[in-house]
PDB file of N, CA and C in Angstrom:
ATOM      1  N   MET A   1       0.841  -1.168   0.000  1.00  0.00           N
ATOM      2  CA  MET A   1       0.000   0.000   0.000  1.00  0.00           C
ATOM      3  C   MET A   1       0.892   1.239   0.000  1.00  0.00           C
ATOM      4  N   GLY A   2       0.571   2.175  -0.873  1.00  0.00           N
ATOM      5  CA  GLY A   2       1.378   3.375  -1.000  1.00  0.00           C
ATOM      6  C   GLY A   2       1.133   4.370   0.109  1.00  0.00           C
ATOM      7  N   ALA A   3       1.997   5.369   0.132  1.00  0.00           N
ATOM      8  CA  ALA A   3       1.910   6.389   1.178  1.00  0.00           C
ATOM      9  C   ALA A   3       0.604   7.170   1.085  1.00  0.00           C
ATOM     10  N   VAL A   4       0.117   7.385  -0.152  1.00  0.00           N
ATOM     11  CA  VAL A   4      -1.127   8.132  -0.328  1.00  0.00           C
ATOM     12  C   VAL A   4      -2.293   7.347   0.264  1.00  0.00           C
ATOM     13  N   HIS A   5      -2.313   6.045   0.024  1.00  0.00           N
ATOM     14  CA  HIS A   5      -3.390   5.215   0.565  1.00  0.00           C
ATOM     15  C   HIS A   5      -3.343   5.164   2.097  1.00  0.00           C
ATOM     16  N   GLN A   6      -2.155   5.020   2.652  1.00  0.00           N
ATOM     17  CA  GLN A   6      -2.028   4.998   4.110  1.00  0.00           C
ATOM     18  C   GLN A   6      -2.442   6.337   4.719  1.00  0.00           C
ATOM     19  N   CYS A   7      -2.021   7.421   4.082  1.00  0.00           N
ATOM     20  CA  CYS A   7      -2.373   8.759   4.559  1.00  0.00           C
ATOM     21  C   CYS A   7      -3.894   8.953   4.481  1.00  0.00           C
ATOM     22  N   HIS A   8      -4.490   8.453   3.415  1.00  0.00           N
ATOM     23  CA  HIS A   8      -5.939   8.541   3.238  1.00  0.00           C
ATOM     24  C   HIS A   8      -6.651   7.789   4.363  1.00  0.00           C
ATOM     25  N   ASP A   9      -6.183   6.588   4.675  1.00  0.00           N
ATOM     26  CA  ASP A   9      -6.803   5.792   5.736  1.00  0.00           C
ATOM     27  C   ASP A   9      -6.681   6.478   7.102  1.00  0.00           C
ATOM     28  N   ILE A  10      -5.497   7.001   7.403  1.00  0.00           N
ATOM     29  CA  ILE A  10      -5.282   7.663   8.701  1.00  0.00           C
ATOM     30  C   ILE A  10      -6.116   8.938   8.789  1.00  0.00           C
ATOM     31  N   THR A  11      -6.203   9.687   7.686  1.00  0.00           N
ATOM     32  CA  THR A  11      -7.003  10.902   7.671  1.00  0.00           C
ATOM     33  C   THR A  11      -8.477  10.572   7.877  1.00  0.00           C
ATOM     34  N   ASN A  12      -8.920   9.478   7.273  1.00  0.00           N
ATOM     35  CA  ASN A  12     -10.300   9.036   7.464  1.00  0.00           C
ATOM     36  C   ASN A  12     -10.551   8.670   8.934  1.00  0.00           C
ATOM     37  N   GLN A  13      -9.591   7.991   9.549  1.00  0.00           N
ATOM     38  CA  GLN A  13      -9.724   7.637  10.967  1.00  0.00           C
ATOM     39  C   GLN A  13      -9.803   8.896  11.832  1.00  0.00           C
ATOM     40  N   LEU A  14      -8.991   9.905  11.500  1.00  0.00           N
ATOM     41  CA  LEU A  14      -9.028  11.176  12.229  1.00  0.00           C
ATOM     42  C   LEU A  14     -10.400  11.830  12.117  1.00  0.00           C
ATOM     43  N   LYS A  15     -10.924  11.855  10.896  1.00  0.00           N
ATOM     44  CA  LYS A  15     -12.222  12.478  10.653  1.00  0.00           C
ATOM     45  C   LYS A  15     -13.312  11.773  11.435  1.00  0.00           C
ATOM     46  N   VAL A  16     -13.321  10.447  11.399  1.00  0.00           N
ATOM     47  CA  VAL A  16     -14.327   9.670  12.128  1.00  0.00           C
ATOM     48  C   VAL A  16     -14.188   9.889  13.629  1.00  0.00           C
ATOM     49  N   LEU A  17     -12.965   9.928  14.112  1.00  0.00           N
ATOM     50  CA  LEU A  17     -12.717  10.127  15.544  1.00  0.00           C
ATOM     51  C   LEU A  17     -13.218  11.490  16.007  1.00  0.00           C
ATOM     52  N   LEU A  18     -12.957  12.528  15.215  1.00  0.00           N
ATOM     53  CA  LEU A  18     -13.386  13.872  15.591  1.00  0.00           C
ATOM     54  C   LEU A  18     -14.895  14.054  15.451  1.00  0.00           C
ATOM     55  N   ASP A  19     -15.520  13.337  14.530  1.00  0.00           N
ATOM     56  CA  ASP A  19     -16.966  13.437  14.363  1.00  0.00           C
ATOM     57  C   ASP A  19     -17.717  12.678  15.451  1.00  0.00           C
ATOM     58  N   GLY A  20     -17.079  11.660  16.027  1.00  0.00           N
ATOM     59  CA  GLY A  20     -17.733  10.825  17.021  1.00  0.00           C
ATOM     60  C   GLY A  20     -17.728  11.438  18.403  1.00  0.00           C
ATOM     61  N   GLU A  21     -18.485  10.797  19.263  1.00  0.00           N
ATOM     62  CA  GLU A  21     -18.556  11.222  20.658  1.00  0.00           C
ATOM     63  C   GLU A  21     -17.649  10.333  21.491  1.00  0.00           C
ATOM     64  N   GLY A  22     -17.317  10.794  22.661  1.00  0.00           N
ATOM     65  CA  GLY A  22     -16.491   9.998  23.554  1.00  0.00           C
ATOM     66  C   GLY A  22     -15.802  10.875  24.570  1.00  0.00           C
ATOM     67  N   GLU A  23     -15.022  10.219  25.416  1.00  0.00           N
ATOM     68  CA  GLU A  23     -14.283  10.941  26.443  1.00  0.00           C
ATOM     69  C   GLU A  23     -13.201  11.791  25.783  1.00  0.00           C
ATOM     70  N   ARG A  24     -13.128  13.049  26.193  1.00  0.00           N
ATOM     71  CA  ARG A  24     -12.235  13.994  25.524  1.00  0.00           C
ATOM     72  C   ARG A  24     -10.768  13.632  25.694  1.00  0.00           C
ATOM     73  N   ASP A  25     -10.364  13.180  26.878  1.00  0.00           N
ATOM     74  CA  ASP A  25      -8.950  12.874  27.111  1.00  0.00           C
ATOM     75  C   ASP A  25      -8.472  11.723  26.233  1.00  0.00           C
ATOM     76  N   SER A  26      -9.260  10.673  26.140  1.00  0.00           N
ATOM     77  CA  SER A  26      -8.855   9.536  25.304  1.00  0.00           C
ATOM     78  C   SER A  26      -8.904   9.920  23.834  1.00  0.00           C
ATOM     79  N   LYS A  27      -9.859  10.786  23.470  1.00  0.00           N
ATOM     80  CA  LYS A  27      -9.964  11.245  22.083  1.00  0.00           C
ATOM     81  C   LYS A  27      -8.721  12.052  21.700  1.00  0.00           C
ATOM     82  N   ILE A  28      -8.258  12.919  22.603  1.00  0.00           N
ATOM     83  CA  ILE A  28      -7.077  13.738  22.323  1.00  0.00           C
ATOM     84  C   ILE A  28      -5.841  12.857  22.169  1.00  0.00           C
ATOM     85  N   GLU A  29      -5.732  11.850  23.010  1.00  0.00           N
ATOM     86  CA  GLU A  29      -4.593  10.933  22.921  1.00  0.00           C
ATOM     87  C   GLU A  29      -4.605  10.177  21.591  1.00  0.00           C
ATOM     88  N   SER A  30      -5.766   9.729  21.163  1.00  0.00           N
ATOM     89  CA  SER A  30      -5.877   9.022  19.877  1.00  0.00           C
ATOM     90  C   SER A  30      -5.559   9.951  18.716  1.00  0.00           C
ATOM     91  N   ILE A  31      -6.003  11.197  18.815  1.00  0.00           N
ATOM     92  CA  ILE A  31      -5.714  12.176  17.765  1.00  0.00           C
ATOM     93  C   ILE A  31      -4.213  12.396  17.641  1.00  0.00           C
ATOM     94  N   GLU A  32      -3.547  12.534  18.784  1.00  0.00           N
ATOM     95  CA  GLU A  32      -2.088  12.720  18.764  1.00  0.00           C
ATOM     96  C   GLU A  32      -1.390  11.542  18.102  1.00  0.00           C
ATOM     97  N   ASN A  33      -1.807  10.327  18.437  1.00  0.00           N
ATOM     98  CA  ASN A  33      -1.187   9.136  17.841  1.00  0.00           C
ATOM     99  C   ASN A  33      -1.387   9.110  16.339  1.00  0.00           C
ATOM    100  N   LEU A  34      -2.607   9.401  15.879  1.00  0.00           N
ATOM    101  CA  LEU A  34      -2.873   9.383  14.441  1.00  0.00           C
ATOM    102  C   LEU A  34      -2.094  10.478  13.712  1.00  0.00           C
ATOM    103  N   LEU A  35      -2.001  11.658  14.323  1.00  0.00           N
ATOM    104  CA  LEU A  35      -1.239  12.737  13.681  1.00  0.00           C
ATOM    105  C   LEU A  35       0.248  12.397  13.603  1.00  0.00           C
ATOM    106  N   ASN A  36       0.771  11.733  14.638  1.00  0.00           N
ATOM    107  CA  ASN A  36       2.175  11.321  14.618  1.00  0.00           C
ATOM    108  C   ASN A  36       2.425  10.244  13.570  1.00  0.00           C
ATOM    109  N   GLN A  37       1.447   9.385  13.330  1.00  0.00           N
ATOM    110  CA  GLN A  37       1.590   8.373  12.279  1.00  0.00           C
ATOM    111  C   GLN A  37       1.513   9.000  10.895  1.00  0.00           C
ATOM    112  N   ARG A  38       0.671  10.016  10.748  1.00  0.00           N
ATOM    113  CA  ARG A  38       0.438  10.620   9.439  1.00  0.00           C
ATOM    114  C   ARG A  38       1.553  11.558   9.008  1.00  0.00           C
ATOM    115  N   GLU A  39       2.243  12.181   9.957  1.00  0.00           N
ATOM    116  CA  GLU A  39       3.272  13.179   9.631  1.00  0.00           C
ATOM    117  C   GLU A  39       4.363  12.646   8.701  1.00  0.00           C
ATOM    118  N   PRO A  40       4.983  11.504   9.003  1.00  0.00           N
ATOM    119  CA  PRO A  40       6.020  11.034   8.073  1.00  0.00           C
ATOM    120  C   PRO A  40       5.466  10.610   6.710  1.00  0.00           C
ATOM    121  N   LEU A  41       4.211  10.185   6.689  1.00  0.00           N
ATOM    122  CA  LEU A  41       3.611   9.798   5.412  1.00  0.00           C
ATOM    123  C   LEU A  41       3.418  11.002   4.503  1.00  0.00           C
ATOM    124  N   LEU A  42       3.037  12.124   5.081  1.00  0.00           N
ATOM    125  CA  LEU A  42       2.834  13.328   4.274  1.00  0.00           C
ATOM    126  C   LEU A  42       4.130  13.788   3.618  1.00  0.00           C
ATOM    127  N   SER A  43       5.229  13.660   4.330  1.00  0.00           N
ATOM    128  CA  SER A  43       6.508  14.094   3.752  1.00  0.00           C
ATOM    129  C   SER A  43       7.037  13.102   2.722  1.00  0.00           C
ATOM    130  N   SER A  44       6.569  11.854   2.768  1.00  0.00           N
ATOM    131  CA  SER A  44       7.054  10.851   1.822  1.00  0.00           C
ATOM    132  C   SER A  44       6.237  10.797   0.539  1.00  0.00           C
ATOM    133  N   ILE A  45       5.165  11.547   0.438  1.00  0.00           N
ATOM    134  CA  ILE A  45       4.343  11.567  -0.780  1.00  0.00           C
ATOM    135  C   ILE A  45       5.025  12.464  -1.807  1.00  0.00           C
ATOM    136  N   THR A  46       5.381  11.865  -2.928  1.00  0.00           N
ATOM    137  CA  THR A  46       6.061  12.615  -3.983  1.00  0.00           C
ATOM    138  C   THR A  46       5.417  12.310  -5.332  1.00  0.00           C
ATOM    139  N   PRO A  47       5.457  13.264  -6.278  1.00  0.00           N
ATOM    140  CA  PRO A  47       4.906  13.015  -7.616  1.00  0.00           C
ATOM    141  C   PRO A  47       5.785  12.049  -8.393  1.00  0.00           C
ATOM    142  N   PRO A  48       5.384  11.477  -9.440  1.00  0.00           N
ATOM    143  CA  PRO A  48       4.118  11.627 -10.166  1.00  0.00           C
ATOM    144  C   PRO A  48       2.994  10.850  -9.498  1.00  0.00           C
ATOM    145  N   TYR A  49       1.776  11.361  -9.672  1.00  0.00           N
ATOM    146  CA  TYR A  49       0.609  10.754  -9.049  1.00  0.00           C
ATOM    147  C   TYR A  49      -0.267  10.101 -10.108  1.00  0.00           C
ATOM    148  N   SER A  50      -0.827   8.959  -9.761  1.00  0.00           N
ATOM    149  CA  SER A  50      -1.804   8.319 -10.646  1.00  0.00           C
ATOM    150  C   SER A  50      -3.141   9.036 -10.464  1.00  0.00           C
ATOM    151  N   LEU A  51      -4.098   8.711 -11.318  1.00  0.00           N
ATOM    152  CA  LEU A  51      -5.417   9.333 -11.211  1.00  0.00           C
ATOM    153  C   LEU A  51      -6.087   8.978  -9.888  1.00  0.00           C
ATOM    154  N   GLU A  52      -5.894   7.749  -9.437  1.00  0.00           N
ATOM    155  CA  GLU A  52      -6.476   7.319  -8.162  1.00  0.00           C
ATOM    156  C   GLU A  52      -5.853   8.098  -7.006  1.00  0.00           C
ATOM    157  N   GLU A  53      -4.533   8.283  -7.053  1.00  0.00           N
ATOM    158  CA  GLU A  53      -3.848   9.029  -5.998  1.00  0.00           C
ATOM    159  C   GLU A  53      -4.275  10.499  -5.995  1.00  0.00           C
ATOM    160  N   GLN A  54      -4.526  11.047  -7.173  1.00  0.00           N
ATOM    161  CA  GLN A  54      -4.989  12.433  -7.247  1.00  0.00           C
ATOM    162  C   GLN A  54      -6.371  12.588  -6.609  1.00  0.00           C
ATOM    163  N   SER A  55      -7.259  11.642  -6.873  1.00  0.00           N
ATOM    164  CA  SER A  55      -8.600  11.732  -6.281  1.00  0.00           C
ATOM    165  C   SER A  55      -8.528  11.527  -4.762  1.00  0.00           C
ATOM    166  N   LEU A  56      -7.660  10.610  -4.331  1.00  0.00           N
ATOM    167  CA  LEU A  56      -7.481  10.420  -2.887  1.00  0.00           C
ATOM    168  C   LEU A  56      -6.890  11.679  -2.254  1.00  0.00           C
ATOM    169  N   GLY A  57      -5.958  12.314  -2.941  1.00  0.00           N
ATOM    170  CA  GLY A  57      -5.348  13.547  -2.439  1.00  0.00           C
ATOM    171  C   GLY A  57      -6.358  14.661  -2.291  1.00  0.00           C
ATOM    172  N   LYS A  58      -7.266  14.786  -3.259  1.00  0.00           N
ATOM    173  CA  LYS A  58      -8.310  15.812  -3.163  1.00  0.00           C
ATOM    174  C   LYS A  58      -9.221  15.541  -1.970  1.00  0.00           C
ATOM    175  N   GLU A  59      -9.516  14.276  -1.756  1.00  0.00           N
ATOM    176  CA  GLU A  59     -10.353  13.910  -0.617  1.00  0.00           C
ATOM    177  C   GLU A  59      -9.622  14.189   0.707  1.00  0.00           C
ATOM    178  N   ILE A  60      -8.328  13.919   0.740  1.00  0.00           N
ATOM    179  CA  ILE A  60      -7.525  14.199   1.943  1.00  0.00           C
ATOM    180  C   ILE A  60      -7.532  15.696   2.244  1.00  0.00           C
ATOM    181  N   VAL A  61      -7.365  16.523   1.217  1.00  0.00           N
ATOM    182  CA  VAL A  61      -7.352  17.978   1.406  1.00  0.00           C
ATOM    183  C   VAL A  61      -8.711  18.456   1.929  1.00  0.00           C
ATOM    184  N   PHE A  62      -9.794  17.906   1.354  1.00  0.00           N
ATOM    185  CA  PHE A  62     -11.132  18.273   1.811  1.00  0.00           C
ATOM    186  C   PHE A  62     -11.343  17.873   3.265  1.00  0.00           C
ATOM    187  N   TRP A  63     -10.928  16.667   3.625  1.00  0.00           N
ATOM    188  CA  TRP A  63     -11.062  16.190   5.006  1.00  0.00           C
ATOM    189  C   TRP A  63     -10.201  17.006   5.963  1.00  0.00           C
ATOM    190  N   ASN A  64      -9.008  17.409   5.494  1.00  0.00           N
ATOM    191  CA  ASN A  64      -8.121  18.202   6.361  1.00  0.00           C
ATOM    192  C   ASN A  64      -8.777  19.510   6.791  1.00  0.00           C
ATOM    193  N   LYS A  65      -9.528  20.128   5.881  1.00  0.00           N
ATOM    194  CA  LYS A  65     -10.229  21.364   6.238  1.00  0.00           C
ATOM    195  C   LYS A  65     -11.242  21.098   7.347  1.00  0.00           C
ATOM    196  N   GLN A  66     -11.969  19.993   7.235  1.00  0.00           N
ATOM    197  CA  GLN A  66     -12.947  19.641   8.264  1.00  0.00           C
ATOM    198  C   GLN A  66     -12.251  19.299   9.582  1.00  0.00           C
ATOM    199  N   ILE A  67     -11.142  18.568   9.490  1.00  0.00           N
ATOM    200  CA  ILE A  67     -10.386  18.179  10.683  1.00  0.00           C
ATOM    201  C   ILE A  67      -9.844  19.412  11.392  1.00  0.00           C
ATOM    202  N   ASP A  68      -9.300  20.363  10.621  1.00  0.00           N
ATOM    203  CA  ASP A  68      -8.778  21.597  11.223  1.00  0.00           C
ATOM    204  C   ASP A  68      -9.869  22.355  11.959  1.00  0.00           C
ATOM    205  N   GLN A  69     -11.050  22.430  11.367  1.00  0.00           N
ATOM    206  CA  GLN A  69     -12.165  23.128  12.001  1.00  0.00           C
ATOM    207  C   GLN A  69     -12.568  22.432  13.304  1.00  0.00           C
ATOM    208  N   LYS A  70     -12.620  21.106  13.292  1.00  0.00           N
ATOM    209  CA  LYS A  70     -12.984  20.357  14.499  1.00  0.00           C
ATOM    210  C   LYS A  70     -11.926  20.528  15.591  1.00  0.00           C
ATOM    211  N   LEU A  71     -10.649  20.564  15.205  1.00  0.00           N
ATOM    212  CA  LEU A  71      -9.579  20.750  16.185  1.00  0.00           C
ATOM    213  C   LEU A  71      -9.636  22.138  16.809  1.00  0.00           C
ATOM    214  N   VAL A  72      -9.989  23.146  16.023  1.00  0.00           N
ATOM    215  CA  VAL A  72     -10.136  24.499  16.558  1.00  0.00           C
ATOM    216  C   VAL A  72     -11.293  24.532  17.556  1.00  0.00           C
ATOM    217  N   GLU A  73     -12.402  23.856  17.227  1.00  0.00           N
ATOM    218  CA  GLU A  73     -13.539  23.798  18.153  1.00  0.00           C
ATOM    219  C   GLU A  73     -13.157  23.090  19.450  1.00  0.00           C
ATOM    220  N   LEU A  74     -12.378  22.018  19.325  1.00  0.00           N
ATOM    221  CA  LEU A  74     -11.917  21.286  20.501  1.00  0.00           C
ATOM    222  C   LEU A  74     -11.023  22.166  21.371  1.00  0.00           C
ATOM    223  N   LYS A  75     -10.154  22.942  20.737  1.00  0.00           N
ATOM    224  CA  LYS A  75      -9.267  23.856  21.466  1.00  0.00           C
ATOM    225  C   LYS A  75     -10.070  24.928  22.196  1.00  0.00           C
ATOM    226  N   ILE A  76     -11.115  25.442  21.560  1.00  0.00           N
ATOM    227  CA  ILE A  76     -11.963  26.453  22.186  1.00  0.00           C
ATOM    228  C   ILE A  76     -12.683  25.864  23.397  1.00  0.00           C
ATOM    229  N   ASP A  77     -13.169  24.625  23.267  1.00  0.00           N
ATOM    230  CA  ASP A  77     -13.832  23.963  24.395  1.00  0.00           C
ATOM    231  C   ASP A  77     -12.871  23.786  25.570  1.00  0.00           C
ATOM    232  N   ILE A  78     -11.636  23.402  25.279  1.00  0.00           N
ATOM    233  CA  ILE A  78     -10.643  23.214  26.335  1.00  0.00           C
ATOM    234  C   ILE A  78     -10.341  24.544  27.022  1.00  0.00           C
ATOM    235  N   LYS A  79     -10.187  25.623  26.234  1.00  0.00           N
ATOM    236  CA  LYS A  79      -9.931  26.942  26.817  1.00  0.00           C
ATOM    237  C   LYS A  79     -11.096  27.386  27.692  1.00  0.00           C
ATOM    238  N   ARG A  80     -12.321  27.123  27.232  1.00  0.00           N
ATOM    239  CA  ARG A  80     -13.507  27.498  27.990  1.00  0.00           C
ATOM    240  C   ARG A  80     -13.528  26.760  29.337  1.00  0.00           C
ATOM    241  N   ASP A  81     -13.204  25.479  29.303  1.00  0.00           N
ATOM    242  CA  ASP A  81     -13.163  24.705  30.544  1.00  0.00           C
ATOM    243  C   ASP A  81     -12.073  25.206  31.484  1.00  0.00           C
ATOM    244  N   MET A  82     -10.913  25.549  30.931  1.00  0.00           N
ATOM    245  CA  MET A  82      -9.818  26.057  31.764  1.00  0.00           C
ATOM    246  C   MET A  82     -10.201  27.391  32.400  1.00  0.00           C
ATOM    247  N   ASN A  83     -10.863  28.257  31.649  1.00  0.00           N
ATOM    248  CA  ASN A  83     -11.313  29.532  32.216  1.00  0.00           C
ATOM    249  C   ASN A  83     -12.349  29.303  33.306  1.00  0.00           C
ATOM    250  N   GLY A  84     -13.227  28.343  33.109  1.00  0.00           N
ATOM    251  CA  GLY A  84     -14.230  28.020  34.113  1.00  0.00           C
ATOM    252  C   GLY A  84     -13.598  27.520  35.387  1.00  0.00           C
ATOM    253  N   VAL A  85     -12.544  26.722  35.258  1.00  0.00           N
ATOM    254  CA  VAL A  85     -11.846  26.202  36.439  1.00  0.00           C
ATOM    255  C   VAL A  85     -11.174  27.338  37.201  1.00  0.00           C
ATOM    256  N   SER A  86     -10.544  28.257  36.485  1.00  0.00           N
ATOM    257  CA  SER A  86      -9.870  29.360  37.182  1.00  0.00           C
ATOM    258  C   SER A  86     -10.880  30.287  37.850  1.00  0.00           C
ATOM    259  N   LYS A  87     -12.037  30.505  37.217  1.00  0.00           N
ATOM    260  CA  LYS A  87     -13.069  31.328  37.849  1.00  0.00           C
ATOM    261  C   LYS A  87     -13.614  30.647  39.093  1.00  0.00           C
ATOM    262  N   THR A  88     -13.820  29.347  39.006  1.00  0.00           N
ATOM    263  CA  THR A  88     -14.304  28.598  40.163  1.00  0.00           C
ATOM    264  C   THR A  88     -13.292  28.651  41.295  1.00  0.00           C
ATOM    265  N   LYS A  89     -12.025  28.565  40.957  1.00  0.00           N
ATOM    266  CA  LYS A  89     -10.975  28.605  41.968  1.00  0.00           C
ATOM    267  C   LYS A  89     -10.972  29.950  42.697  1.00  0.00           C
ATOM    268  N   THR A  90     -11.081  31.041  41.960  1.00  0.00           N
ATOM    269  CA  THR A  90     -11.086  32.352  42.609  1.00  0.00           C
ATOM    270  C   THR A  90     -12.363  32.560  43.415  1.00  0.00           C
ATOM    271  N   THR A  91     -13.489  32.035  42.937  1.00  0.00           N
ATOM    272  CA  THR A  91     -14.740  32.165  43.682  1.00  0.00           C
ATOM    273  C   THR A  91     -14.664  31.412  45.002  1.00  0.00           C
ATOM    274  N   VAL A  92     -14.113  30.218  44.965  1.00  0.00           N
ATOM    275  CA  VAL A  92     -13.969  29.429  46.189  1.00  0.00           C
ATOM    276  C   VAL A  92     -13.025  30.132  47.151  1.00  0.00           C
ATOM    277  N   GLN A  93     -11.954  30.699  46.629  1.00  0.00           N
ATOM    278  CA  GLN A  93     -10.995  31.399  47.477  1.00  0.00           C
ATOM    279  C   GLN A  93     -11.639  32.623  48.124  1.00  0.00           C
ATOM    280  N   ARG A  94     -12.462  33.349  47.392  1.00  0.00           N
ATOM    281  CA  ARG A  94     -13.155  34.510  47.962  1.00  0.00           C
ATOM    282  C   ARG A  94     -14.160  34.082  49.026  1.00  0.00           C
ATOM    283  N   TYR A  95     -14.784  32.941  48.811  1.00  0.00           N
ATOM    284  CA  TYR A  95     -15.765  32.454  49.777  1.00  0.00           C
ATOM    285  C   TYR A  95     -15.097  32.039  51.079  1.00  0.00           C
ATOM    286  N   THR A  96     -13.940  31.376  50.976  1.00  0.00           N
ATOM    287  CA  THR A  96     -13.277  30.907  52.189  1.00  0.00           C
ATOM    288  C   THR A  96     -12.638  32.040  52.963  1.00  0.00           C
ATOM    289  N   ASN A  97     -12.172  33.080  52.294  1.00  0.00           N
ATOM    290  CA  ASN A  97     -11.542  34.203  52.974  1.00  0.00           C
ATOM    291  C   ASN A  97     -12.021  35.505  52.317  1.00  0.00           C
ATOM    292  N   PRO A  98     -13.201  36.002  52.724  1.00  0.00           N
ATOM    293  CA  PRO A  98     -13.781  37.150  52.023  1.00  0.00           C
ATOM    294  C   PRO A  98     -13.039  38.465  52.245  1.00  0.00           C
ATOM    295  N   TYR A  99     -12.235  38.557  53.301  1.00  0.00           N
ATOM    296  CA  TYR A  99     -11.556  39.820  53.592  1.00  0.00           C
ATOM    297  C   TYR A  99     -10.134  39.874  53.047  1.00  0.00           C
ATOM    298  N   GLU A 100      -9.734  38.834  52.343  1.00  0.00           N
ATOM    299  CA  GLU A 100      -8.358  38.787  51.826  1.00  0.00           C
ATOM    300  C   GLU A 100      -8.125  39.840  50.757  1.00  0.00           C
ATOM    301  N   SER A 101      -9.088  40.077  49.911  1.00  0.00           N
ATOM    302  CA  SER A 101      -8.863  40.971  48.779  1.00  0.00           C
ATOM    303  C   SER A 101      -9.272  42.418  49.070  1.00  0.00           C
ATOM    304  N   MET A 102      -9.571  42.723  50.303  1.00  0.00           N
ATOM    305  CA  MET A 102      -9.944  44.098  50.629  1.00  0.00           C
ATOM    306  C   MET A 102      -8.722  45.003  50.549  1.00  0.00           C
ATOM    307  N   GLN A 103      -8.949  46.188  50.040  1.00  0.00           N
ATOM    308  CA  GLN A 103      -7.856  47.142  49.935  1.00  0.00           C
ATOM    309  C   GLN A 103      -7.726  47.902  51.255  1.00  0.00           C
ATOM    310  N   THR A 104      -6.498  48.090  51.659  1.00  0.00           N
ATOM    311  CA  THR A 104      -6.263  48.810  52.910  1.00  0.00           C
ATOM    312  C   THR A 104      -5.911  50.265  52.664  1.00  0.00           C
ATOM    313  N   ASP A 105      -5.786  50.672  51.448  1.00  0.00           N
ATOM    314  CA  ASP A 105      -5.440  52.045  51.124  1.00  0.00           C
ATOM    315  C   ASP A 105      -6.620  52.956  51.460  1.00  0.00           C
ATOM    316  N   GLY A 106      -6.358  54.034  52.155  1.00  0.00           N
ATOM    317  CA  GLY A 106      -7.391  54.997  52.478  1.00  0.00           C
ATOM    318  C   GLY A 106      -8.069  54.752  53.809  1.00  0.00           C
ATOM    319  N   MET A 107      -7.595  53.782  54.535  1.00  0.00           N
ATOM    320  CA  MET A 107      -8.198  53.526  55.842  1.00  0.00           C
ATOM    321  C   MET A 107      -7.533  54.434  56.873  1.00  0.00           C
ATOM    322  N   PHE A 108      -8.301  54.822  57.865  1.00  0.00           N
ATOM    323  CA  PHE A 108      -7.791  55.688  58.912  1.00  0.00           C
ATOM    324  C   PHE A 108      -8.184  55.108  60.261  1.00  0.00           C
ATOM    325  N   TYR A 109      -7.211  54.923  61.094  1.00  0.00           N
ATOM    326  CA  TYR A 109      -7.467  54.429  62.441  1.00  0.00           C
ATOM    327  C   TYR A 109      -7.294  55.590  63.420  1.00  0.00           C
ATOM    328  N   ASP A 110      -8.291  55.833  64.221  1.00  0.00           N
ATOM    329  CA  ASP A 110      -8.225  56.894  65.227  1.00  0.00           C
ATOM    330  C   ASP A 110      -7.815  56.263  66.554  1.00  0.00           C
ATOM    331  N   LYS A 111      -6.649  56.648  67.016  1.00  0.00           N
ATOM    332  CA  LYS A 111      -6.146  56.085  68.257  1.00  0.00           C
ATOM    333  C   LYS A 111      -6.201  57.163  69.325  1.00  0.00           C
ATOM    334  N   ARG A 112      -6.933  56.878  70.358  1.00  0.00           N
ATOM    335  CA  ARG A 112      -7.055  57.840  71.448  1.00  0.00           C
ATOM    336  C   ARG A 112      -6.107  57.452  72.560  1.00  0.00           C
ATOM    337  N   ASN A 113      -5.420  58.421  73.073  1.00  0.00           N
ATOM    338  CA  ASN A 113      -4.460  58.179  74.172  1.00  0.00           C
ATOM    339  C   ASN A 113      -5.093  58.316  75.498  1.00  0.00           C
TER     340      ASN A 113
END
């Protein structure tokens, strides 16, 4: 099997994986493995191409656009979750110690002798 066919199969697996549902951590790990497998194949694809390889290449390019869009959405979801965690952390910290963030500037203590 040629590099174009292998790249096509791995790209198809990536597309199916990103379109499917599942646990995000295991999905990210699988995506990393597939991308690491596909990287050397992309660099080993060289012309001349047969008609079949050209059609597979067009399909790979089309799928790559969809894969890139799904990866951007996944990245946005991860950022949103990270921001939510940091907001929750600061809210919990304010709840446990509400006077910690009070500013002391401008306070005046009157001391009588």
